[in-house]
All heavy atoms as atom14 arrays in JSON, in Angstrom:
{
  "sequence": "DIEERLIRGFVRNIIDGNIVESLYSWHKISSEDINNLTNSDKEISK",
  "atom14_mask": [
    [1, 1, 1, 1, 1, 1, 1, 1, 0, 0, 0, 0, 0, 0],
    [1, 1, 1, 1, 1, 1, 1, 1, 0, 0, 0, 0, 0, 0],
    [1, 1, 1, 1, 1, 1, 1, 1, 1, 0, 0, 0, 0, 0],
    [1, 1, 1, 1, 1, 1, 1, 1, 1, 0, 0, 0, 0, 0],
    [1, 1, 1, 1, 1, 1, 1, 1, 1, 1, 1, 0, 0, 0],
    [1, 1, 1, 1, 1, 1, 1, 1, 0, 0, 0, 0, 0, 0],
    [1, 1, 1, 1, 1, 1, 1, 1, 0, 0, 0, 0, 0, 0],
    [1, 1, 1, 1, 1, 1, 1, 1, 1, 1, 1, 0, 0, 0],
    [1, 1, 1, 1, 0, 0, 0, 0, 0, 0, 0, 0, 0, 0],
    [1, 1, 1, 1, 1, 1, 1, 1, 1, 1, 1, 0, 0, 0],
    [1, 1, 1, 1, 1, 1, 1, 0, 0, 0, 0, 0, 0, 0],
    [1, 1, 1, 1, 1, 1, 1, 1, 1, 1, 1, 0, 0, 0],
    [1, 1, 1, 1, 1, 1, 1, 1, 0, 0, 0, 0, 0, 0],
    [1, 1, 1, 1, 1, 1, 1, 1, 0, 0, 0, 0, 0, 0],
    [1, 1, 1, 1, 1, 1, 1, 1, 0, 0, 0, 0, 0, 0],
    [1, 1, 1, 1, 1, 1, 1, 1, 0, 0, 0, 0, 0, 0],
    [1, 1, 1, 1, 0, 0, 0, 0, 0, 0, 0, 0, 0, 0],
    [1, 1, 1, 1, 1, 1, 1, 1, 0, 0, 0, 0, 0, 0],
    [1, 1, 1, 1, 1, 1, 1, 1, 0, 0, 0, 0, 0, 0],
    [1, 1, 1, 1, 1, 1, 1, 0, 0, 0, 0, 0, 0, 0],
    [1, 1, 1, 1, 1, 1, 1, 1, 1, 0, 0, 0, 0, 0],
    [1, 1, 1, 1, 1, 1, 0, 0, 0, 0, 0, 0, 0, 0],
    [1, 1, 1, 1, 1, 1, 1, 1, 0, 0, 0, 0, 0, 0],
    [1, 1, 1, 1, 1, 1, 1, 1, 1, 1, 1, 1, 0, 0],
    [1, 1, 1, 1, 1, 1, 0, 0, 0, 0, 0, 0, 0, 0],
    [1, 1, 1, 1, 1, 1, 1, 1, 1, 1, 1, 1, 1, 1],
    [1, 1, 1, 1, 1, 1, 1, 1, 1, 1, 0, 0, 0, 0],
    [1, 1, 1, 1, 1, 1, 1, 1, 1, 0, 0, 0, 0, 0],
    [1, 1, 1, 1, 1, 1, 1, 1, 0, 0, 0, 0, 0, 0],
    [1, 1, 1, 1, 1, 1, 0, 0, 0, 0, 0, 0, 0, 0],
    [1, 1, 1, 1, 1, 1, 0, 0, 0, 0, 0, 0, 0, 0],
    [1, 1, 1, 1, 1, 1, 1, 1, 1, 0, 0, 0, 0, 0],
    [1, 1, 1, 1, 1, 1, 1, 1, 0, 0, 0, 0, 0, 0],
    [1, 1, 1, 1, 1, 1, 1, 1, 0, 0, 0, 0, 0, 0],
    [1, 1, 1, 1, 1, 1, 1, 1, 0, 0, 0, 0, 0, 0],
    [1, 1, 1, 1, 1, 1, 1, 1, 0, 0, 0, 0, 0, 0],
    [1, 1, 1, 1, 1, 1, 1, 1, 0, 0, 0, 0, 0, 0],
    [1, 1, 1, 1, 1, 1, 1, 0, 0, 0, 0, 0, 0, 0],
    [1, 1, 1, 1, 1, 1, 1, 1, 0, 0, 0, 0, 0, 0],
    [1, 1, 1, 1, 1, 1, 0, 0, 0, 0, 0, 0, 0, 0],
    [1, 1, 1, 1, 1, 1, 1, 1, 0, 0, 0, 0, 0, 0],
    [1, 1, 1, 1, 1, 1, 1, 1, 1, 0, 0, 0, 0, 0],
    [1, 1, 1, 1, 1, 1, 1, 1, 1, 0, 0, 0, 0, 0],
    [1, 1, 1, 1, 1, 1, 1, 1, 0, 0, 0, 0, 0, 0],
    [1, 1, 1, 1, 1, 1, 0, 0, 0, 0, 0, 0, 0, 0],
    [1, 1, 1, 1, 1, 1, 1, 1, 1, 0, 0, 0, 0, 0]
  ],
  "atom14_positions": [
    [[-104.66, -49.88, 7.17], [-103.59, -49.68, 8.13], [-103.78, -50.59, 9.34], [-104.91, -50.9, 9.73], [-103.54, -48.22, 8.59], [-103.15, -47.26, 7.48], [-102.32, -47.66, 6.63], [-103.66, -46.13, 7.45], [0.0, 0.0, 0.0], [0.0, 0.0, 0.0], [0.0, 0.0, 0.0], [0.0, 0.0, 0.0], [0.0, 0.0, 0.0], [0.0, 0.0, 0.0]],
    [[-102.68, -50.99, 9.94], [-102.73, -51.86, 11.12], [-102.63, -50.98, 12.36], [-101.55, -50.6, 12.79], [-101.59, -52.89, 11.09], [-101.69, -53.71, 9.8], [-101.66, -53.81, 12.31], [-100.53, -54.65, 9.59], [0.0, 0.0, 0.0], [0.0, 0.0, 0.0], [0.0, 0.0, 0.0], [0.0, 0.0, 0.0], [0.0, 0.0, 0.0], [0.0, 0.0, 0.0]],
    [[-103.75, -50.65, 12.92], [-103.81, -49.75, 14.06], [-105.09, -49.99, 14.85], [-105.93, -50.82, 14.48], [-103.74, -48.29, 13.59], [-104.82, -47.95, 12.56], [-104.65, -46.59, 11.93], [-103.51, -46.05, 11.95], [-105.65, -46.05, 11.43], [0.0, 0.0, 0.0], [0.0, 0.0, 0.0], [0.0, 0.0, 0.0], [0.0, 0.0, 0.0], [0.0, 0.0, 0.0]],
    [[-105.27, -49.24, 15.95], [-106.41, -49.43, 16.83], [-107.75, -49.21, 16.12], [-108.8, -49.68, 16.58], [-106.31, -48.48, 18.03], [-107.32, -48.75, 19.13], [-107.15, -47.84, 20.32], [-106.1, -47.93, 20.99], [-108.06, -47.02, 20.57], [0.0, 0.0, 0.0], [0.0, 0.0, 0.0], [0.0, 0.0, 0.0], [0.0, 0.0, 0.0], [0.0, 0.0, 0.0]],
    [[-107.7, -48.51, 15.02], [-108.92, -48.26, 14.25], [-109.64, -49.56, 13.87], [-110.86, -49.58, 13.71], [-108.52, -47.48, 12.99], [-109.65, -47.01, 12.15], [-109.11, -46.13, 11.04], [-109.68, -46.52, 9.8], [-109.31, -46.09, 8.62], [-108.36, -45.24, 8.53], [-109.89, -46.48, 7.55], [0.0, 0.0, 0.0], [0.0, 0.0, 0.0], [0.0, 0.0, 0.0]],
    [[-108.9, -50.66, 13.7], [-109.5, -51.95, 13.38], [-110.43, -52.41, 14.5], [-111.51, -52.95, 14.25], [-108.41, -52.99, 13.14], [-107.47, -52.74, 11.95], [-106.28, -53.7, 12.01], [-108.22, -52.9, 10.63], [0.0, 0.0, 0.0], [0.0, 0.0, 0.0], [0.0, 0.0, 0.0], [0.0, 0.0, 0.0], [0.0, 0.0, 0.0], [0.0, 0.0, 0.0]],
    [[-110.0, -52.22, 15.74], [-110.82, -52.56, 16.9], [-112.07, -51.69, 16.95], [-113.19, -52.17, 17.16], [-110.02, -52.41, 18.21], [-108.73, -53.22, 18.16], [-110.88, -52.81, 19.4], [-108.87, -54.67, 18.27], [0.0, 0.0, 0.0], [0.0, 0.0, 0.0], [0.0, 0.0, 0.0], [0.0, 0.0, 0.0], [0.0, 0.0, 0.0], [0.0, 0.0, 0.0]],
    [[-111.87, -50.4, 16.74], [-112.99, -49.46, 16.78], [-113.98, -49.72, 15.65], [-115.17, -49.51, 15.8], [-112.46, -48.02, 16.76], [-111.62, -47.69, 18.0], [-111.15, -46.25, 18.03], [-110.49, -45.99, 19.3], [-111.1, -45.67, 20.42], [-112.41, -45.51, 20.44], [-110.43, -45.47, 21.54], [0.0, 0.0, 0.0], [0.0, 0.0, 0.0], [0.0, 0.0, 0.0]],
    [[-113.46, -50.17, 14.51], [-114.34, -50.53, 13.41], [-115.24, -51.71, 13.77], [-116.41, -51.77, 13.37], [0.0, 0.0, 0.0], [0.0, 0.0, 0.0], [0.0, 0.0, 0.0], [0.0, 0.0, 0.0], [0.0, 0.0, 0.0], [0.0, 0.0, 0.0], [0.0, 0.0, 0.0], [0.0, 0.0, 0.0], [0.0, 0.0, 0.0], [0.0, 0.0, 0.0]],
    [[-114.7, -52.66, 14.53], [-115.49, -53.79, 15.0], [-116.64, -53.31, 15.88], [-117.78, -53.78, 15.74], [-114.58, -54.75, 15.78], [-115.26, -56.02, 16.22], [-115.17, -57.17, 15.46], [-115.98, -56.07, 17.4], [-115.78, -58.35, 15.87], [-116.6, -57.23, 17.82], [-116.5, -58.38, 17.05], [0.0, 0.0, 0.0], [0.0, 0.0, 0.0], [0.0, 0.0, 0.0]],
    [[-116.35, -52.37, 16.78], [-117.4, -51.85, 17.68], [-118.47, -51.1, 16.88], [-119.67, -51.22, 17.15], [-116.79, -50.92, 18.76], [-117.89, -50.46, 19.73], [-115.7, -51.65, 19.53], [0.0, 0.0, 0.0], [0.0, 0.0, 0.0], [0.0, 0.0, 0.0], [0.0, 0.0, 0.0], [0.0, 0.0, 0.0], [0.0, 0.0, 0.0], [0.0, 0.0, 0.0]],
    [[-118.04, -50.35, 15.88], [-119.02, -49.65, 15.04], [-119.89, -50.65, 14.27], [-121.08, -50.4, 14.04], [-118.3, -48.69, 14.09], [-117.85, -47.39, 14.77], [-117.36, -46.38, 13.77], [-116.06, -46.72, 13.25], [-114.91, -46.37, 13.81], [-114.91, -45.63, 14.91], [-113.76, -46.71, 13.29], [0.0, 0.0, 0.0], [0.0, 0.0, 0.0], [0.0, 0.0, 0.0]],
    [[-119.31, -51.77, 13.9], [-120.1, -52.81, 13.25], [-121.13, -53.4, 14.21], [-122.21, -53.81, 13.79], [-119.18, -53.91, 12.72], [-118.57, -53.57, 11.37], [-119.17, -52.85, 10.58], [-117.38, -54.09, 11.11], [0.0, 0.0, 0.0], [0.0, 0.0, 0.0], [0.0, 0.0, 0.0], [0.0, 0.0, 0.0], [0.0, 0.0, 0.0], [0.0, 0.0, 0.0]],
    [[-120.79, -53.46, 15.49], [-121.77, -53.9, 16.5], [-122.95, -52.94, 16.52], [-124.11, -53.35, 16.52], [-121.12, -53.99, 17.9], [-120.07, -55.1, 17.94], [-122.2, -54.26, 18.95], [-119.34, -55.18, 19.28], [0.0, 0.0, 0.0], [0.0, 0.0, 0.0], [0.0, 0.0, 0.0], [0.0, 0.0, 0.0], [0.0, 0.0, 0.0], [0.0, 0.0, 0.0]],
    [[-122.64, -51.65, 16.55], [-123.68, -50.61, 16.59], [-124.59, -50.71, 15.36], [-125.81, -50.57, 15.47], [-123.04, -49.21, 16.67], [-122.26, -49.05, 17.97], [-124.1, -48.12, 16.55], [-121.45, -47.77, 18.06], [0.0, 0.0, 0.0], [0.0, 0.0, 0.0], [0.0, 0.0, 0.0], [0.0, 0.0, 0.0], [0.0, 0.0, 0.0], [0.0, 0.0, 0.0]],
    [[-123.98, -50.99, 14.2], [-124.74, -51.06, 12.95], [-125.45, -52.4, 12.76], [-126.14, -52.59, 11.75], [-123.82, -50.8, 11.76], [-123.25, -49.39, 11.75], [-123.89, -48.51, 12.36], [-122.18, -49.17, 11.16], [0.0, 0.0, 0.0], [0.0, 0.0, 0.0], [0.0, 0.0, 0.0], [0.0, 0.0, 0.0], [0.0, 0.0, 0.0], [0.0, 0.0, 0.0]],
    [[-125.27, -53.32, 13.71], [-125.95, -54.61, 13.62], [-125.31, -55.61, 12.68], [-125.96, -56.53, 12.21], [0.0, 0.0, 0.0], [0.0, 0.0, 0.0], [0.0, 0.0, 0.0], [0.0, 0.0, 0.0], [0.0, 0.0, 0.0], [0.0, 0.0, 0.0], [0.0, 0.0, 0.0], [0.0, 0.0, 0.0], [0.0, 0.0, 0.0], [0.0, 0.0, 0.0]],
    [[-124.0, -55.43, 12.4], [-123.31, -56.28, 11.45], [-122.49, -57.4, 12.1], [-121.79, -58.13, 11.41], [-122.38, -55.43, 10.57], [-123.12, -54.36, 9.79], [-124.22, -54.6, 9.29], [-122.56, -53.17, 9.72], [0.0, 0.0, 0.0], [0.0, 0.0, 0.0], [0.0, 0.0, 0.0], [0.0, 0.0, 0.0], [0.0, 0.0, 0.0], [0.0, 0.0, 0.0]],
    [[-122.57, -57.52, 13.41], [-121.85, -58.55, 14.15], [-122.85, -59.52, 14.76], [-123.79, -59.11, 15.45], [-120.97, -57.95, 15.26], [-119.96, -56.95, 14.69], [-120.26, -59.05, 16.04], [-118.95, -57.57, 13.76], [0.0, 0.0, 0.0], [0.0, 0.0, 0.0], [0.0, 0.0, 0.0], [0.0, 0.0, 0.0], [0.0, 0.0, 0.0], [0.0, 0.0, 0.0]],
    [[-122.66, -60.82, 14.5], [-123.57, -61.82, 15.06], [-123.42, -61.87, 16.58], [-122.33, -61.67, 17.13], [-123.31, -63.21, 14.45], [-123.62, -63.22, 12.98], [-121.87, -63.67, 14.68], [0.0, 0.0, 0.0], [0.0, 0.0, 0.0], [0.0, 0.0, 0.0], [0.0, 0.0, 0.0], [0.0, 0.0, 0.0], [0.0, 0.0, 0.0], [0.0, 0.0, 0.0]],
    [[-124.51, -62.15, 17.24], [-124.53, -62.1, 18.7], [-123.6, -63.1, 19.36], [-123.12, -62.88, 20.47], [-125.96, -62.31, 19.21], [-126.91, -61.17, 18.84], [-128.29, -61.35, 19.42], [-128.46, -62.3, 20.21], [-129.19, -60.56, 19.08], [0.0, 0.0, 0.0], [0.0, 0.0, 0.0], [0.0, 0.0, 0.0], [0.0, 0.0, 0.0], [0.0, 0.0, 0.0]],
    [[-123.32, -64.23, 18.69], [-122.45, -65.24, 19.27], [-121.05, -64.7, 19.55], [-120.34, -65.2, 20.43], [-122.37, -66.46, 18.36], [-121.87, -66.11, 17.08], [0.0, 0.0, 0.0], [0.0, 0.0, 0.0], [0.0, 0.0, 0.0], [0.0, 0.0, 0.0], [0.0, 0.0, 0.0], [0.0, 0.0, 0.0], [0.0, 0.0, 0.0], [0.0, 0.0, 0.0]],
    [[-120.63, -63.67, 18.79], [-119.31, -63.08, 19.0], [-119.23, -62.28, 20.29], [-118.16, -62.12, 20.87], [-118.92, -62.18, 17.82], [-118.35, -62.87, 16.6], [-118.01, -61.87, 15.52], [-117.11, -63.66, 16.95], [0.0, 0.0, 0.0], [0.0, 0.0, 0.0], [0.0, 0.0, 0.0], [0.0, 0.0, 0.0], [0.0, 0.0, 0.0], [0.0, 0.0, 0.0]],
    [[-120.39, -61.74, 20.74], [-120.38, -60.96, 21.98], [-119.87, -61.82, 23.13], [-118.95, -61.43, 23.87], [-121.78, -60.46, 22.34], [-122.46, -59.61, 21.3], [-123.83, -59.39, 21.35], [-121.75, -59.02, 20.27], [-124.47, -58.61, 20.42], [-122.39, -58.25, 19.32], [-123.76, -58.03, 19.4], [-124.4, -57.27, 18.47], [0.0, 0.0, 0.0], [0.0, 0.0, 0.0]],
    [[-120.47, -62.98, 23.29], [-120.09, -63.87, 24.38], [-118.68, -64.42, 24.2], [-117.97, -64.65, 25.18], [-121.1, -65.02, 24.52], [-121.18, -65.77, 23.31], [0.0, 0.0, 0.0], [0.0, 0.0, 0.0], [0.0, 0.0, 0.0], [0.0, 0.0, 0.0], [0.0, 0.0, 0.0], [0.0, 0.0, 0.0], [0.0, 0.0, 0.0], [0.0, 0.0, 0.0]],
    [[-118.28, -64.67, 22.95], [-116.95, -65.19, 22.7], [-115.88, -64.23, 23.18], [-114.88, -64.63, 23.77], [-116.77, -65.48, 21.21], [-115.58, -66.37, 20.96], [-114.28, -66.0, 20.91], [-115.6, -67.78, 20.8], [-113.48, -67.1, 20.7], [-114.26, -68.2, 20.63], [-116.6, -68.73, 20.74], [-113.9, -69.53, 20.43], [-116.25, -70.06, 20.55], [-114.92, -70.45, 20.39]],
    [[-116.09, -62.95, 22.94], [-115.15, -61.92, 23.38], [-115.44, -61.42, 24.8], [-114.75, -60.52, 25.28], [-115.17, -60.74, 22.41], [-114.56, -61.04, 21.07], [-113.25, -61.43, 20.92], [-115.08, -61.0, 19.82], [-112.99, -61.62, 19.64], [-114.08, -61.36, 18.94], [0.0, 0.0, 0.0], [0.0, 0.0, 0.0], [0.0, 0.0, 0.0], [0.0, 0.0, 0.0]],
    [[-116.44, -62.02, 25.44], [-116.81, -61.68, 26.82], [-117.16, -60.2, 26.98], [-116.78, -59.54, 27.95], [-115.69, -62.08, 27.79], [-115.41, -63.57, 27.8], [-114.33, -63.94, 28.79], [-114.09, -65.45, 28.78], [-113.04, -65.85, 29.73], [0.0, 0.0, 0.0], [0.0, 0.0, 0.0], [0.0, 0.0, 0.0], [0.0, 0.0, 0.0], [0.0, 0.0, 0.0]],
    [[-117.9, -59.7, 25.98], [-118.42, -58.34, 26.05], [-119.72, -58.37, 26.84], [-120.61, -59.17, 26.55], [-118.66, -57.77, 24.64], [-117.35, -57.77, 23.83], [-119.24, -56.37, 24.71], [-117.54, -57.42, 22.37], [0.0, 0.0, 0.0], [0.0, 0.0, 0.0], [0.0, 0.0, 0.0], [0.0, 0.0, 0.0], [0.0, 0.0, 0.0], [0.0, 0.0, 0.0]],
    [[-119.84, -57.51, 27.82], [-121.02, -57.54, 28.69], [-122.26, -57.06, 27.94], [-122.19, -56.2, 27.05], [-120.79, -56.67, 29.92], [-120.78, -55.29, 29.58], [0.0, 0.0, 0.0], [0.0, 0.0, 0.0], [0.0, 0.0, 0.0], [0.0, 0.0, 0.0], [0.0, 0.0, 0.0], [0.0, 0.0, 0.0], [0.0, 0.0, 0.0], [0.0, 0.0, 0.0]],
    [[-123.39, -57.64, 28.31], [-124.66, -57.22, 27.71], [-124.99, -55.78, 28.06], [-125.64, -55.07, 27.28], [-125.79, -58.16, 28.17], [-125.86, -58.2, 29.58], [0.0, 0.0, 0.0], [0.0, 0.0, 0.0], [0.0, 0.0, 0.0], [0.0, 0.0, 0.0], [0.0, 0.0, 0.0], [0.0, 0.0, 0.0], [0.0, 0.0, 0.0], [0.0, 0.0, 0.0]],
    [[-124.52, -55.36, 29.23], [-124.74, -53.97, 29.65], [-124.07, -52.99, 28.7], [-124.67, -51.98, 28.29], [-124.22, -53.75, 31.07], [-124.46, -52.35, 31.61], [-123.92, -52.15, 33.0], [-123.33, -53.1, 33.56], [-124.07, -51.02, 33.54], [0.0, 0.0, 0.0], [0.0, 0.0, 0.0], [0.0, 0.0, 0.0], [0.0, 0.0, 0.0], [0.0, 0.0, 0.0]],
    [[-122.81, -53.27, 28.33], [-122.1, -52.4, 27.4], [-122.76, -52.42, 26.02], [-122.83, -51.38, 25.35], [-120.64, -52.83, 27.28], [-119.78, -52.33, 28.44], [-120.16, -51.32, 29.06], [-118.74, -52.96, 28.73], [0.0, 0.0, 0.0], [0.0, 0.0, 0.0], [0.0, 0.0, 0.0], [0.0, 0.0, 0.0], [0.0, 0.0, 0.0], [0.0, 0.0, 0.0]],
    [[-123.22, -53.58, 25.59], [-123.92, -53.68, 24.3], [-125.16, -52.79, 24.29], [-125.41, -52.04, 23.35], [-124.31, -55.13, 23.98], [-123.07, -55.99, 23.74], [-125.23, -55.19, 22.76], [-122.3, -55.65, 22.5], [0.0, 0.0, 0.0], [0.0, 0.0, 0.0], [0.0, 0.0, 0.0], [0.0, 0.0, 0.0], [0.0, 0.0, 0.0], [0.0, 0.0, 0.0]],
    [[-125.92, -52.86, 25.37], [-127.15, -52.05, 25.48], [-126.85, -50.56, 25.56], [-127.6, -49.73, 25.05], [-127.96, -52.49, 26.69], [-128.51, -53.9, 26.55], [-128.77, -54.36, 25.45], [-128.68, -54.58, 27.69], [0.0, 0.0, 0.0], [0.0, 0.0, 0.0], [0.0, 0.0, 0.0], [0.0, 0.0, 0.0], [0.0, 0.0, 0.0], [0.0, 0.0, 0.0]],
    [[-125.72, -50.23, 26.21], [-125.39, -48.82, 26.42], [-124.76, -48.16, 25.18], [-124.63, -46.93, 25.14], [-124.43, -48.67, 27.6], [-125.13, -48.87, 28.93], [-126.35, -48.7, 29.04], [-124.36, -49.24, 29.96], [0.0, 0.0, 0.0], [0.0, 0.0, 0.0], [0.0, 0.0, 0.0], [0.0, 0.0, 0.0], [0.0, 0.0, 0.0], [0.0, 0.0, 0.0]],
    [[-124.35, -48.96, 24.19], [-123.71, -48.41, 23.01], [-124.6, -47.39, 22.29], [-124.11, -46.4, 21.73], [-123.34, -49.52, 22.02], [-121.99, -50.19, 22.19], [-121.83, -51.31, 21.18], [-120.85, -49.18, 22.03], [0.0, 0.0, 0.0], [0.0, 0.0, 0.0], [0.0, 0.0, 0.0], [0.0, 0.0, 0.0], [0.0, 0.0, 0.0], [0.0, 0.0, 0.0]],
    [[-125.88, -47.64, 22.3], [-126.82, -46.76, 21.6], [-127.63, -45.89, 22.55], [-128.67, -45.36, 22.19], [-127.77, -47.61, 20.73], [-128.43, -48.58, 21.55], [-127.0, -48.3, 19.61], [0.0, 0.0, 0.0], [0.0, 0.0, 0.0], [0.0, 0.0, 0.0], [0.0, 0.0, 0.0], [0.0, 0.0, 0.0], [0.0, 0.0, 0.0], [0.0, 0.0, 0.0]],
    [[-127.14, -45.76, 23.77], [-127.84, -44.93, 24.76], [-127.88, -43.48, 24.29], [-126.92, -42.96, 23.71], [-127.14, -45.04, 26.11], [-128.01, -44.53, 27.25], [-128.28, -43.32, 27.34], [-128.43, -45.44, 28.13], [0.0, 0.0, 0.0], [0.0, 0.0, 0.0], [0.0, 0.0, 0.0], [0.0, 0.0, 0.0], [0.0, 0.0, 0.0], [0.0, 0.0, 0.0]],
    [[-128.98, -42.82, 24.55], [-129.13, -41.41, 24.14], [-128.17, -40.49, 24.89], [-127.82, -39.42, 24.4], [-130.58, -40.96, 24.37], [-130.96, -41.12, 25.73], [0.0, 0.0, 0.0], [0.0, 0.0, 0.0], [0.0, 0.0, 0.0], [0.0, 0.0, 0.0], [0.0, 0.0, 0.0], [0.0, 0.0, 0.0], [0.0, 0.0, 0.0], [0.0, 0.0, 0.0]],
    [[-127.75, -40.94, 26.08], [-126.76, -40.19, 26.84], [-125.39, -40.45, 26.21], [-124.86, -41.56, 26.26], [-126.77, -40.65, 28.3], [-125.9, -39.75, 29.2], [-124.78, -39.4, 28.78], [-126.36, -39.42, 30.32], [0.0, 0.0, 0.0], [0.0, 0.0, 0.0], [0.0, 0.0, 0.0], [0.0, 0.0, 0.0], [0.0, 0.0, 0.0], [0.0, 0.0, 0.0]],
    [[-124.8, -39.43, 25.63], [-123.54, -39.58, 24.9], [-122.4, -40.06, 25.79], [-121.53, -40.8, 25.36], [-123.16, -38.26, 24.23], [-124.09, -37.87, 23.08], [-123.6, -36.61, 22.38], [-124.52, -36.26, 21.2], [-124.05, -35.03, 20.5], [0.0, 0.0, 0.0], [0.0, 0.0, 0.0], [0.0, 0.0, 0.0], [0.0, 0.0, 0.0], [0.0, 0.0, 0.0]],
    [[-122.4, -39.64, 27.06], [-121.34, -40.05, 27.97], [-121.42, -41.55, 28.25], [-120.39, -42.24, 28.3], [-121.44, -39.26, 29.27], [-120.25, -39.43, 30.22], [-118.96, -38.86, 29.65], [-119.03, -37.94, 28.79], [-117.89, -39.36, 30.03], [0.0, 0.0, 0.0], [0.0, 0.0, 0.0], [0.0, 0.0, 0.0], [0.0, 0.0, 0.0], [0.0, 0.0, 0.0]],
    [[-122.63, -42.04, 28.46], [-122.83, -43.47, 28.71], [-122.41, -44.3, 27.48], [-121.72, -45.31, 27.61], [-124.3, -43.76, 29.08], [-124.63, -43.13, 30.43], [-124.55, -45.27, 29.12], [-126.09, -43.27, 30.83], [0.0, 0.0, 0.0], [0.0, 0.0, 0.0], [0.0, 0.0, 0.0], [0.0, 0.0, 0.0], [0.0, 0.0, 0.0], [0.0, 0.0, 0.0]],
    [[-122.82, -43.88, 26.29], [-122.49, -44.61, 25.06], [-120.98, -44.56, 24.8], [-120.39, -45.55, 24.36], [-123.26, -44.03, 23.87], [-122.87, -42.81, 23.53], [0.0, 0.0, 0.0], [0.0, 0.0, 0.0], [0.0, 0.0, 0.0], [0.0, 0.0, 0.0], [0.0, 0.0, 0.0], [0.0, 0.0, 0.0], [0.0, 0.0, 0.0], [0.0, 0.0, 0.0]],
    [[-120.35, -43.42, 25.1], [-118.91, -43.29, 24.91], [-118.15, -44.24, 25.84], [-117.2, -44.9, 25.43], [-118.47, -41.86, 25.16], [-116.97, -41.62, 24.96], [-116.6, -40.17, 25.24], [-115.1, -39.96, 25.1], [-114.72, -38.55, 25.39], [0.0, 0.0, 0.0], [0.0, 0.0, 0.0], [0.0, 0.0, 0.0], [0.0, 0.0, 0.0], [0.0, 0.0, 0.0]]
  ]
}
């Protein structure tokens, strides 16, 4: 389906380590957000 889920799937692929790091900078995703994705604090990761 063509919906926001495609974007969210990309982020989940980041969490699972399936996205090469060069894409982070290309999309201008901050290193802070990348680091916080797997934070034990659920609010921070969310």
